[in-house]
Amino acid sequence: MARLTDITEMIHMRLALENTMRSMTVKEFKKFVMENGVVEEDEDEVTTFVPKGEKKFVKGKTYDLNGNDDFKHGLNEFIITEDGRIFLAVSLNKNVEVEESEKM
């Protein structure tokens, strides 16, 4: 069972990541993830998944930001696809594409 302090820390880290994302364009955030994330598994290994709402598999690399002290804990795995899109990996079967918004 998680302690309240652990949950509070996870919330603060999640907010720090959201603030970072909002201060950048998708292109800038993708560069940030590639520079600060650790490639999962073997560097040559490719992640294959079906993006939400699509029917075809997409290939990409998974980058983990948990090694970055500012973003430990929480949802910090991003997949950058071969066609240049970036997805937040929520779970093994769920992902969300990072897209431009008015504030991002």
PDB file of N, CA and C in Angstrom:
ATOM      1  N   MET A   1       0.844  -1.177   0.000  1.00  0.00           N
ATOM      2  CA  MET A   1       0.000   0.000   0.000  1.00  0.00           C
ATOM      3  C   MET A   1       0.892   1.244   0.000  1.00  0.00           C
ATOM      4  N   ALA A   2       0.568   2.184  -0.841  1.00  0.00           N
ATOM      5  CA  ALA A   2       1.355   3.414  -0.962  1.00  0.00           C
ATOM      6  C   ALA A   2       1.062   4.355   0.204  1.00  0.00           C
ATOM      7  N   ARG A   3       2.105   4.976   0.686  1.00  0.00           N
ATOM      8  CA  ARG A   3       1.940   5.964   1.743  1.00  0.00           C
ATOM      9  C   ARG A   3       1.487   7.283   1.121  1.00  0.00           C
ATOM     10  N   LEU A   4       0.865   8.127   1.916  1.00  0.00           N
ATOM     11  CA  LEU A   4       0.370   9.412   1.442  1.00  0.00           C
ATOM     12  C   LEU A   4       1.505  10.258   0.881  1.00  0.00           C
ATOM     13  N   THR A   5       2.677  10.217   1.509  1.00  0.00           N
ATOM     14  CA  THR A   5       3.812  11.012   1.015  1.00  0.00           C
ATOM     15  C   THR A   5       4.258  10.524  -0.370  1.00  0.00           C
ATOM     16  N   ASP A   6       4.188   9.199  -0.606  1.00  0.00           N
ATOM     17  CA  ASP A   6       4.543   8.657  -1.921  1.00  0.00           C
ATOM     18  C   ASP A   6       3.562   9.147  -2.983  1.00  0.00           C
ATOM     19  N   ILE A   7       2.285   9.139  -2.634  1.00  0.00           N
ATOM     20  CA  ILE A   7       1.257   9.586  -3.577  1.00  0.00           C
ATOM     21  C   ILE A   7       1.419  11.079  -3.864  1.00  0.00           C
ATOM     22  N   THR A   8       1.676  11.859  -2.820  1.00  0.00           N
ATOM     23  CA  THR A   8       1.881  13.295  -2.997  1.00  0.00           C
ATOM     24  C   THR A   8       3.075  13.561  -3.899  1.00  0.00           C
ATOM     25  N   GLU A   9       4.157  12.817  -3.696  1.00  0.00           N
ATOM     26  CA  GLU A   9       5.344  12.979  -4.536  1.00  0.00           C
ATOM     27  C   GLU A   9       5.045  12.625  -5.984  1.00  0.00           C
ATOM     28  N   MET A  10       4.274  11.557  -6.195  1.00  0.00           N
ATOM     29  CA  MET A  10       3.909  11.163  -7.560  1.00  0.00           C
ATOM     30  C   MET A  10       3.090  12.264  -8.229  1.00  0.00           C
ATOM     31  N   ILE A  11       2.185  12.877  -7.492  1.00  0.00           N
ATOM     32  CA  ILE A  11       1.358  13.952  -8.047  1.00  0.00           C
ATOM     33  C   ILE A  11       2.230  15.145  -8.431  1.00  0.00           C
ATOM     34  N   HIS A  12       3.178  15.512  -7.567  1.00  0.00           N
ATOM     35  CA  HIS A  12       4.071  16.634  -7.862  1.00  0.00           C
ATOM     36  C   HIS A  12       4.920  16.357  -9.104  1.00  0.00           C
ATOM     37  N   MET A  13       5.409  15.130  -9.243  1.00  0.00           N
ATOM     38  CA  MET A  13       6.215  14.765 -10.412  1.00  0.00           C
ATOM     39  C   MET A  13       5.366  14.801 -11.676  1.00  0.00           C
ATOM     40  N   ARG A  14       4.127  14.343 -11.563  1.00  0.00           N
ATOM     41  CA  ARG A  14       3.220  14.346 -12.721  1.00  0.00           C
ATOM     42  C   ARG A  14       2.940  15.790 -13.153  1.00  0.00           C
ATOM     43  N   LEU A  15       2.720  16.670 -12.187  1.00  0.00           N
ATOM     44  CA  LEU A  15       2.481  18.079 -12.505  1.00  0.00           C
ATOM     45  C   LEU A  15       3.715  18.725 -13.133  1.00  0.00           C
ATOM     46  N   ALA A  16       4.908  18.345 -12.665  1.00  0.00           N
ATOM     47  CA  ALA A  16       6.144  18.877 -13.252  1.00  0.00           C
ATOM     48  C   ALA A  16       6.256  18.463 -14.715  1.00  0.00           C
ATOM     49  N   LEU A  17       5.897  17.216 -15.012  1.00  0.00           N
ATOM     50  CA  LEU A  17       5.932  16.754 -16.404  1.00  0.00           C
ATOM     51  C   LEU A  17       4.896  17.495 -17.242  1.00  0.00           C
ATOM     52  N   GLU A  18       3.690  17.664 -16.713  1.00  0.00           N
ATOM     53  CA  GLU A  18       2.652  18.386 -17.452  1.00  0.00           C
ATOM     54  C   GLU A  18       3.071  19.828 -17.719  1.00  0.00           C
ATOM     55  N   ASN A  19       3.668  20.480 -16.746  1.00  0.00           N
ATOM     56  CA  ASN A  19       4.128  21.859 -16.940  1.00  0.00           C
ATOM     57  C   ASN A  19       5.223  21.934 -17.996  1.00  0.00           C
ATOM     58  N   THR A  20       6.108  20.956 -17.991  1.00  0.00           N
ATOM     59  CA  THR A  20       7.153  20.903 -19.019  1.00  0.00           C
ATOM     60  C   THR A  20       6.519  20.750 -20.396  1.00  0.00           C
ATOM     61  N   MET A  21       5.555  19.847 -20.515  1.00  0.00           N
ATOM     62  CA  MET A  21       4.891  19.609 -21.799  1.00  0.00           C
ATOM     63  C   MET A  21       4.166  20.869 -22.293  1.00  0.00           C
ATOM     64  N   ARG A  22       3.499  21.558 -21.387  1.00  0.00           N
ATOM     65  CA  ARG A  22       2.734  22.751 -21.766  1.00  0.00           C
ATOM     66  C   ARG A  22       3.628  23.907 -22.206  1.00  0.00           C
ATOM     67  N   SER A  23       4.877  23.904 -21.749  1.00  0.00           N
ATOM     68  CA  SER A  23       5.782  25.006 -22.090  1.00  0.00           C
ATOM     69  C   SER A  23       6.499  24.790 -23.430  1.00  0.00           C
ATOM     70  N   MET A  24       6.228  23.659 -24.091  1.00  0.00           N
ATOM     71  CA  MET A  24       6.936  23.326 -25.327  1.00  0.00           C
ATOM     72  C   MET A  24       5.966  22.987 -26.446  1.00  0.00           C
ATOM     73  N   THR A  25       6.471  23.071 -27.673  1.00  0.00           N
ATOM     74  CA  THR A  25       5.723  22.533 -28.801  1.00  0.00           C
ATOM     75  C   THR A  25       5.937  21.025 -28.800  1.00  0.00           C
ATOM     76  N   VAL A  26       5.167  20.299 -29.591  1.00  0.00           N
ATOM     77  CA  VAL A  26       5.350  18.852 -29.677  1.00  0.00           C
ATOM     78  C   VAL A  26       6.759  18.540 -30.180  1.00  0.00           C
ATOM     79  N   LYS A  27       7.234  19.305 -31.152  1.00  0.00           N
ATOM     80  CA  LYS A  27       8.578  19.083 -31.694  1.00  0.00           C
ATOM     81  C   LYS A  27       9.637  19.276 -30.603  1.00  0.00           C
ATOM     82  N   GLU A  28       9.496  20.328 -29.807  1.00  0.00           N
ATOM     83  CA  GLU A  28      10.437  20.584 -28.717  1.00  0.00           C
ATOM     84  C   GLU A  28      10.356  19.488 -27.647  1.00  0.00           C
ATOM     85  N   PHE A  29       9.119  19.046 -27.337  1.00  0.00           N
ATOM     86  CA  PHE A  29       8.951  18.009 -26.329  1.00  0.00           C
ATOM     87  C   PHE A  29       9.539  16.686 -26.812  1.00  0.00           C
ATOM     88  N   LYS A  30       9.354  16.374 -28.079  1.00  0.00           N
ATOM     89  CA  LYS A  30       9.931  15.146 -28.638  1.00  0.00           C
ATOM     90  C   LYS A  30      11.459  15.171 -28.501  1.00  0.00           C
ATOM     91  N   LYS A  31      12.060  16.317 -28.801  1.00  0.00           N
ATOM     92  CA  LYS A  31      13.508  16.468 -28.661  1.00  0.00           C
ATOM     93  C   LYS A  31      13.911  16.295 -27.191  1.00  0.00           C
ATOM     94  N   PHE A  32      13.128  16.875 -26.279  1.00  0.00           N
ATOM     95  CA  PHE A  32      13.377  16.755 -24.844  1.00  0.00           C
ATOM     96  C   PHE A  32      13.359  15.287 -24.414  1.00  0.00           C
ATOM     97  N   VAL A  33      12.348  14.545 -24.863  1.00  0.00           N
ATOM     98  CA  VAL A  33      12.230  13.131 -24.505  1.00  0.00           C
ATOM     99  C   VAL A  33      13.419  12.346 -25.046  1.00  0.00           C
ATOM    100  N   MET A  34      13.807  12.622 -26.284  1.00  0.00           N
ATOM    101  CA  MET A  34      14.916  11.895 -26.892  1.00  0.00           C
ATOM    102  C   MET A  34      16.241  12.203 -26.182  1.00  0.00           C
ATOM    103  N   GLU A  35      16.403  13.420 -25.693  1.00  0.00           N
ATOM    104  CA  GLU A  35      17.645  13.809 -25.020  1.00  0.00           C
ATOM    105  C   GLU A  35      17.686  13.374 -23.558  1.00  0.00           C
ATOM    106  N   ASN A  36      16.533  13.311 -22.897  1.00  0.00           N
ATOM    107  CA  ASN A  36      16.491  13.042 -21.456  1.00  0.00           C
ATOM    108  C   ASN A  36      15.971  11.656 -21.086  1.00  0.00           C
ATOM    109  N   GLY A  37      15.362  10.974 -22.039  1.00  0.00           N
ATOM    110  CA  GLY A  37      14.823   9.652 -21.755  1.00  0.00           C
ATOM    111  C   GLY A  37      15.842   8.560 -22.002  1.00  0.00           C
ATOM    112  N   VAL A  38      15.603   7.439 -21.369  1.00  0.00           N
ATOM    113  CA  VAL A  38      16.433   6.254 -21.565  1.00  0.00           C
ATOM    114  C   VAL A  38      15.655   5.319 -22.474  1.00  0.00           C
ATOM    115  N   VAL A  39      16.307   4.847 -23.536  1.00  0.00           N
ATOM    116  CA  VAL A  39      15.642   3.936 -24.465  1.00  0.00           C
ATOM    117  C   VAL A  39      15.434   2.609 -23.752  1.00  0.00           C
ATOM    118  N   GLU A  40      14.212   2.128 -23.795  1.00  0.00           N
ATOM    119  CA  GLU A  40      13.872   0.870 -23.158  1.00  0.00           C
ATOM    120  C   GLU A  40      14.510  -0.303 -23.887  1.00  0.00           C
ATOM    121  N   GLU A  41      14.745  -1.347 -23.139  1.00  0.00           N
ATOM    122  CA  GLU A  41      15.276  -2.600 -23.676  1.00  0.00           C
ATOM    123  C   GLU A  41      16.597  -2.377 -24.395  1.00  0.00           C
ATOM    124  N   ASP A  42      16.796  -3.126 -25.456  1.00  0.00           N
ATOM    125  CA  ASP A  42      17.981  -2.997 -26.296  1.00  0.00           C
ATOM    126  C   ASP A  42      17.762  -1.795 -27.203  1.00  0.00           C
ATOM    127  N   GLU A  43      18.772  -0.984 -27.398  1.00  0.00           N
ATOM    128  CA  GLU A  43      18.629   0.242 -28.194  1.00  0.00           C
ATOM    129  C   GLU A  43      18.107  -0.032 -29.599  1.00  0.00           C
ATOM    130  N   ASP A  44      18.391  -1.214 -30.126  1.00  0.00           N
ATOM    131  CA  ASP A  44      17.938  -1.551 -31.475  1.00  0.00           C
ATOM    132  C   ASP A  44      16.526  -2.125 -31.488  1.00  0.00           C
ATOM    133  N   GLU A  45      15.988  -2.432 -30.307  1.00  0.00           N
ATOM    134  CA  GLU A  45      14.675  -3.045 -30.240  1.00  0.00           C
ATOM    135  C   GLU A  45      13.583  -2.030 -30.567  1.00  0.00           C
ATOM    136  N   VAL A  46      12.603  -2.481 -31.302  1.00  0.00           N
ATOM    137  CA  VAL A  46      11.514  -1.620 -31.740  1.00  0.00           C
ATOM    138  C   VAL A  46      10.226  -2.036 -31.040  1.00  0.00           C
ATOM    139  N   THR A  47       9.477  -1.057 -30.552  1.00  0.00           N
ATOM    140  CA  THR A  47       8.167  -1.287 -29.953  1.00  0.00           C
ATOM    141  C   THR A  47       7.137  -1.306 -31.061  1.00  0.00           C
ATOM    142  N   THR A  48       6.242  -2.266 -31.036  1.00  0.00           N
ATOM    143  CA  THR A  48       5.167  -2.347 -32.018  1.00  0.00           C
ATOM    144  C   THR A  48       3.847  -2.279 -31.259  1.00  0.00           C
ATOM    145  N   PHE A  49       2.960  -1.368 -31.684  1.00  0.00           N
ATOM    146  CA  PHE A  49       1.676  -1.212 -31.006  1.00  0.00           C
ATOM    147  C   PHE A  49       0.659  -0.629 -31.979  1.00  0.00           C
ATOM    148  N   VAL A  50      -0.603  -0.707 -31.602  1.00  0.00           N
ATOM    149  CA  VAL A  50      -1.680  -0.112 -32.392  1.00  0.00           C
ATOM    150  C   VAL A  50      -2.146   1.136 -31.658  1.00  0.00           C
ATOM    151  N   PRO A  51      -1.954   2.330 -32.250  1.00  0.00           N
ATOM    152  CA  PRO A  51      -2.416   3.557 -31.596  1.00  0.00           C
ATOM    153  C   PRO A  51      -3.932   3.562 -31.406  1.00  0.00           C
ATOM    154  N   LYS A  52      -4.365   4.204 -30.354  1.00  0.00           N
ATOM    155  CA  LYS A  52      -5.795   4.310 -30.054  1.00  0.00           C
ATOM    156  C   LYS A  52      -6.532   4.877 -31.263  1.00  0.00           C
ATOM    157  N   GLY A  53      -7.605   4.199 -31.649  1.00  0.00           N
ATOM    158  CA  GLY A  53      -8.432   4.660 -32.762  1.00  0.00           C
ATOM    159  C   GLY A  53      -7.912   4.261 -34.134  1.00  0.00           C
ATOM    160  N   GLU A  54      -6.778   3.572 -34.191  1.00  0.00           N
ATOM    161  CA  GLU A  54      -6.223   3.126 -35.465  1.00  0.00           C
ATOM    162  C   GLU A  54      -6.316   1.610 -35.550  1.00  0.00           C
ATOM    163  N   LYS A  55      -6.082   1.074 -36.747  1.00  0.00           N
ATOM    164  CA  LYS A  55      -6.215  -0.367 -36.934  1.00  0.00           C
ATOM    165  C   LYS A  55      -4.916  -1.041 -37.350  1.00  0.00           C
ATOM    166  N   LYS A  56      -3.890  -0.255 -37.651  1.00  0.00           N
ATOM    167  CA  LYS A  56      -2.628  -0.827 -38.102  1.00  0.00           C
ATOM    168  C   LYS A  56      -1.547  -0.648 -37.041  1.00  0.00           C
ATOM    169  N   PHE A  57      -0.627  -1.610 -37.023  1.00  0.00           N
ATOM    170  CA  PHE A  57       0.507  -1.522 -36.105  1.00  0.00           C
ATOM    171  C   PHE A  57       1.449  -0.405 -36.521  1.00  0.00           C
ATOM    172  N   VAL A  58       2.064   0.206 -35.510  1.00  0.00           N
ATOM    173  CA  VAL A  58       3.039   1.269 -35.711  1.00  0.00           C
ATOM    174  C   VAL A  58       4.298   0.845 -34.950  1.00  0.00           C
ATOM    175  N   LYS A  59       5.460   1.175 -35.495  1.00  0.00           N
ATOM    176  CA  LYS A  59       6.720   0.837 -34.837  1.00  0.00           C
ATOM    177  C   LYS A  59       7.369   2.095 -34.282  1.00  0.00           C
ATOM    178  N   GLY A  60       8.062   1.942 -33.171  1.00  0.00           N
ATOM    179  CA  GLY A  60       8.758   3.067 -32.572  1.00  0.00           C
ATOM    180  C   GLY A  60       9.664   2.608 -31.441  1.00  0.00           C
ATOM    181  N   LYS A  61      10.289   3.561 -30.776  1.00  0.00           N
ATOM    182  CA  LYS A  61      11.147   3.276 -29.624  1.00  0.00           C
ATOM    183  C   LYS A  61      10.526   3.877 -28.374  1.00  0.00           C
ATOM    184  N   THR A  62      10.660   3.160 -27.265  1.00  0.00           N
ATOM    185  CA  THR A  62      10.122   3.627 -25.988  1.00  0.00           C
ATOM    186  C   THR A  62      11.222   4.323 -25.201  1.00  0.00           C
ATOM    187  N   TYR A  63      10.922   5.532 -24.759  1.00  0.00           N
ATOM    188  CA  TYR A  63      11.849   6.329 -23.945  1.00  0.00           C
ATOM    189  C   TYR A  63      11.256   6.480 -22.555  1.00  0.00           C
ATOM    190  N   ASP A  64      12.064   6.223 -21.537  1.00  0.00           N
ATOM    191  CA  ASP A  64      11.617   6.282 -20.150  1.00  0.00           C
ATOM    192  C   ASP A  64      12.248   7.493 -19.473  1.00  0.00           C
ATOM    193  N   LEU A  65      11.417   8.392 -18.938  1.00  0.00           N
ATOM    194  CA  LEU A  65      11.921   9.574 -18.235  1.00  0.00           C
ATOM    195  C   LEU A  65      12.099   9.335 -16.742  1.00  0.00           C
ATOM    196  N   ASN A  66      11.870   8.123 -16.256  1.00  0.00           N
ATOM    197  CA  ASN A  66      12.003   7.854 -14.818  1.00  0.00           C
ATOM    198  C   ASN A  66      13.425   8.045 -14.323  1.00  0.00           C
ATOM    199  N   GLY A  67      14.407   7.985 -15.196  1.00  0.00           N
ATOM    200  CA  GLY A  67      15.785   8.219 -14.796  1.00  0.00           C
ATOM    201  C   GLY A  67      16.063   9.686 -14.517  1.00  0.00           C
ATOM    202  N   ASN A  68      15.176  10.568 -14.982  1.00  0.00           N
ATOM    203  CA  ASN A  68      15.317  12.001 -14.770  1.00  0.00           C
ATOM    204  C   ASN A  68      14.745  12.330 -13.384  1.00  0.00           C
ATOM    205  N   ASP A  69      15.553  12.918 -12.507  1.00  0.00           N
ATOM    206  CA  ASP A  69      15.124  13.200 -11.134  1.00  0.00           C
ATOM    207  C   ASP A  69      13.864  14.055 -11.043  1.00  0.00           C
ATOM    208  N   ASP A  70      13.618  14.890 -12.052  1.00  0.00           N
ATOM    209  CA  ASP A  70      12.436  15.752 -12.015  1.00  0.00           C
ATOM    210  C   ASP A  70      11.148  14.986 -12.279  1.00  0.00           C
ATOM    211  N   PHE A  71      11.249  13.811 -12.895  1.00  0.00           N
ATOM    212  CA  PHE A  71      10.047  13.104 -13.332  1.00  0.00           C
ATOM    213  C   PHE A  71       9.970  11.667 -12.831  1.00  0.00           C
ATOM    214  N   LYS A  72      10.572  11.374 -11.690  1.00  0.00           N
ATOM    215  CA  LYS A  72      10.478  10.012 -11.167  1.00  0.00           C
ATOM    216  C   LYS A  72       9.042   9.717 -10.784  1.00  0.00           C
ATOM    217  N   HIS A  73       8.643   8.503 -10.978  1.00  0.00           N
ATOM    218  CA  HIS A  73       7.301   8.004 -10.655  1.00  0.00           C
ATOM    219  C   HIS A  73       6.293   8.457 -11.720  1.00  0.00           C
ATOM    220  N   GLY A  74       5.225   7.732 -11.796  1.00  0.00           N
ATOM    221  CA  GLY A  74       4.131   8.132 -12.668  1.00  0.00           C
ATOM    222  C   GLY A  74       4.287   7.673 -14.096  1.00  0.00           C
ATOM    223  N   LEU A  75       3.496   8.248 -14.966  1.00  0.00           N
ATOM    224  CA  LEU A  75       3.451   7.866 -16.379  1.00  0.00           C
ATOM    225  C   LEU A  75       4.522   8.627 -17.146  1.00  0.00           C
ATOM    226  N   ASN A  76       5.659   8.019 -17.297  1.00  0.00           N
ATOM    227  CA  ASN A  76       6.774   8.722 -17.908  1.00  0.00           C
ATOM    228  C   ASN A  76       7.401   7.969 -19.066  1.00  0.00           C
ATOM    229  N   GLU A  77       6.675   7.059 -19.675  1.00  0.00           N
ATOM    230  CA  GLU A  77       7.183   6.347 -20.831  1.00  0.00           C
ATOM    231  C   GLU A  77       6.512   6.904 -22.077  1.00  0.00           C
ATOM    232  N   PHE A  78       7.349   7.280 -23.030  1.00  0.00           N
ATOM    233  CA  PHE A  78       6.853   7.825 -24.280  1.00  0.00           C
ATOM    234  C   PHE A  78       7.379   7.000 -25.438  1.00  0.00           C
ATOM    235  N   ILE A  79       6.550   6.796 -26.433  1.00  0.00           N
ATOM    236  CA  ILE A  79       6.949   6.067 -27.630  1.00  0.00           C
ATOM    237  C   ILE A  79       7.047   7.073 -28.766  1.00  0.00           C
ATOM    238  N   ILE A  80       8.195   7.118 -29.413  1.00  0.00           N
ATOM    239  CA  ILE A  80       8.371   7.956 -30.590  1.00  0.00           C
ATOM    240  C   ILE A  80       8.375   7.017 -31.782  1.00  0.00           C
ATOM    241  N   THR A  81       7.398   7.214 -32.656  1.00  0.00           N
ATOM    242  CA  THR A  81       7.202   6.295 -33.775  1.00  0.00           C
ATOM    243  C   THR A  81       8.138   6.616 -34.935  1.00  0.00           C
ATOM    244  N   GLU A  82       8.247   5.655 -35.836  1.00  0.00           N
ATOM    245  CA  GLU A  82       9.093   5.835 -37.013  1.00  0.00           C
ATOM    246  C   GLU A  82       8.616   6.987 -37.887  1.00  0.00           C
ATOM    247  N   ASP A  83       7.307   7.299 -37.824  1.00  0.00           N
ATOM    248  CA  ASP A  83       6.789   8.420 -38.625  1.00  0.00           C
ATOM    249  C   ASP A  83       6.810   9.748 -37.853  1.00  0.00           C
ATOM    250  N   GLY A  84       7.463   9.762 -36.655  1.00  0.00           N
ATOM    251  CA  GLY A  84       7.688  11.016 -35.940  1.00  0.00           C
ATOM    252  C   GLY A  84       6.646  11.417 -34.923  1.00  0.00           C
ATOM    253  N   ARG A  85       5.626  10.612 -34.715  1.00  0.00           N
ATOM    254  CA  ARG A  85       4.628  10.947 -33.697  1.00  0.00           C
ATOM    255  C   ARG A  85       5.131  10.523 -32.322  1.00  0.00           C
ATOM    256  N   ILE A  86       4.548  11.116 -31.286  1.00  0.00           N
ATOM    257  CA  ILE A  86       4.936  10.771 -29.919  1.00  0.00           C
ATOM    258  C   ILE A  86       3.686  10.406 -29.130  1.00  0.00           C
ATOM    259  N   PHE A  87       3.796   9.296 -28.376  1.00  0.00           N
ATOM    260  CA  PHE A  87       2.679   8.777 -27.604  1.00  0.00           C
ATOM    261  C   PHE A  87       3.098   8.600 -26.156  1.00  0.00           C
ATOM    262  N   LEU A  88       2.178   8.904 -25.230  1.00  0.00           N
ATOM    263  CA  LEU A  88       2.353   8.576 -23.829  1.00  0.00           C
ATOM    264  C   LEU A  88       1.894   7.139 -23.665  1.00  0.00           C
ATOM    265  N   ALA A  89       2.771   6.268 -23.174  1.00  0.00           N
ATOM    266  CA  ALA A  89       2.415   4.868 -22.945  1.00  0.00           C
ATOM    267  C   ALA A  89       1.783   4.758 -21.564  1.00  0.00           C
ATOM    268  N   VAL A  90       0.457   4.678 -21.530  1.00  0.00           N
ATOM    269  CA  VAL A  90      -0.275   4.621 -20.267  1.00  0.00           C
ATOM    270  C   VAL A  90      -0.173   3.222 -19.664  1.00  0.00           C
ATOM    271  N   SER A  91      -0.344   2.208 -20.491  1.00  0.00           N
ATOM    272  CA  SER A  91      -0.197   0.821 -20.063  1.00  0.00           C
ATOM    273  C   SER A  91       0.178   0.011 -21.297  1.00  0.00           C
ATOM    274  N   LEU A  92       0.274  -1.289 -21.129  1.00  0.00           N
ATOM    275  CA  LEU A  92       0.653  -2.145 -22.243  1.00  0.00           C
ATOM    276  C   LEU A  92      -0.337  -2.036 -23.398  1.00  0.00           C
ATOM    277  N   ASN A  93      -1.602  -1.842 -23.073  1.00  0.00           N
ATOM    278  CA  ASN A  93      -2.645  -1.796 -24.098  1.00  0.00           C
ATOM    279  C   ASN A  93      -3.226  -0.415 -24.347  1.00  0.00           C
ATOM    280  N   LYS A  94      -2.741   0.604 -23.673  1.00  0.00           N
ATOM    281  CA  LYS A  94      -3.324   1.935 -23.812  1.00  0.00           C
ATOM    282  C   LYS A  94      -2.229   2.968 -24.039  1.00  0.00           C
ATOM    283  N   ASN A  95      -2.464   3.860 -24.996  1.00  0.00           N
ATOM    284  CA  ASN A  95      -1.523   4.930 -25.303  1.00  0.00           C
ATOM    285  C   ASN A  95      -2.301   6.156 -25.745  1.00  0.00           C
ATOM    286  N   VAL A  96      -1.681   7.316 -25.571  1.00  0.00           N
ATOM    287  CA  VAL A  96      -2.327   8.564 -25.925  1.00  0.00           C
ATOM    288  C   VAL A  96      -1.338   9.379 -26.730  1.00  0.00           C
ATOM    289  N   GLU A  97      -1.753   9.866 -27.898  1.00  0.00           N
ATOM    290  CA  GLU A  97      -0.854  10.659 -28.720  1.00  0.00           C
ATOM    291  C   GLU A  97      -0.701  12.065 -28.149  1.00  0.00           C
ATOM    292  N   VAL A  98       0.532  12.544 -28.122  1.00  0.00           N
ATOM    293  CA  VAL A  98       0.818  13.906 -27.674  1.00  0.00           C
ATOM    294  C   VAL A  98       0.622  14.803 -28.903  1.00  0.00           C
ATOM    295  N   GLU A  99      -0.326  15.724 -28.786  1.00  0.00           N
ATOM    296  CA  GLU A  99      -0.650  16.609 -29.901  1.00  0.00           C
ATOM    297  C   GLU A  99      -0.570  18.058 -29.455  1.00  0.00           C
ATOM    298  N   GLU A 100      -0.480  18.941 -30.430  1.00  0.00           N
ATOM    299  CA  GLU A 100      -0.461  20.370 -30.132  1.00  0.00           C
ATOM    300  C   GLU A 100      -1.812  20.774 -29.539  1.00  0.00           C
ATOM    301  N   SER A 101      -1.762  21.669 -28.583  1.00  0.00           N
ATOM    302  CA  SER A 101      -2.973  22.271 -28.045  1.00  0.00           C
ATOM    303  C   SER A 101      -2.724  23.766 -27.978  1.00  0.00           C
ATOM    304  N   GLU A 102      -3.698  24.510 -27.551  1.00  0.00           N
ATOM    305  CA  GLU A 102      -3.537  25.958 -27.489  1.00  0.00           C
ATOM    306  C   GLU A 102      -2.392  26.352 -26.569  1.00  0.00           C
ATOM    307  N   LYS A 103      -2.206  25.600 -25.483  1.00  0.00           N
ATOM    308  CA  LYS A 103      -1.191  25.962 -24.505  1.00  0.00           C
ATOM    309  C   LYS A 103       0.090  25.155 -24.635  1.00  0.00           C
ATOM    310  N   MET A 104       0.091  24.092 -25.405  1.00  0.00           N
ATOM    311  CA  MET A 104       1.301  23.273 -25.467  1.00  0.00           C
ATOM    312  C   MET A 104       2.333  23.862 -26.349  1.00  0.00           C
TER     313      MET A 104
END
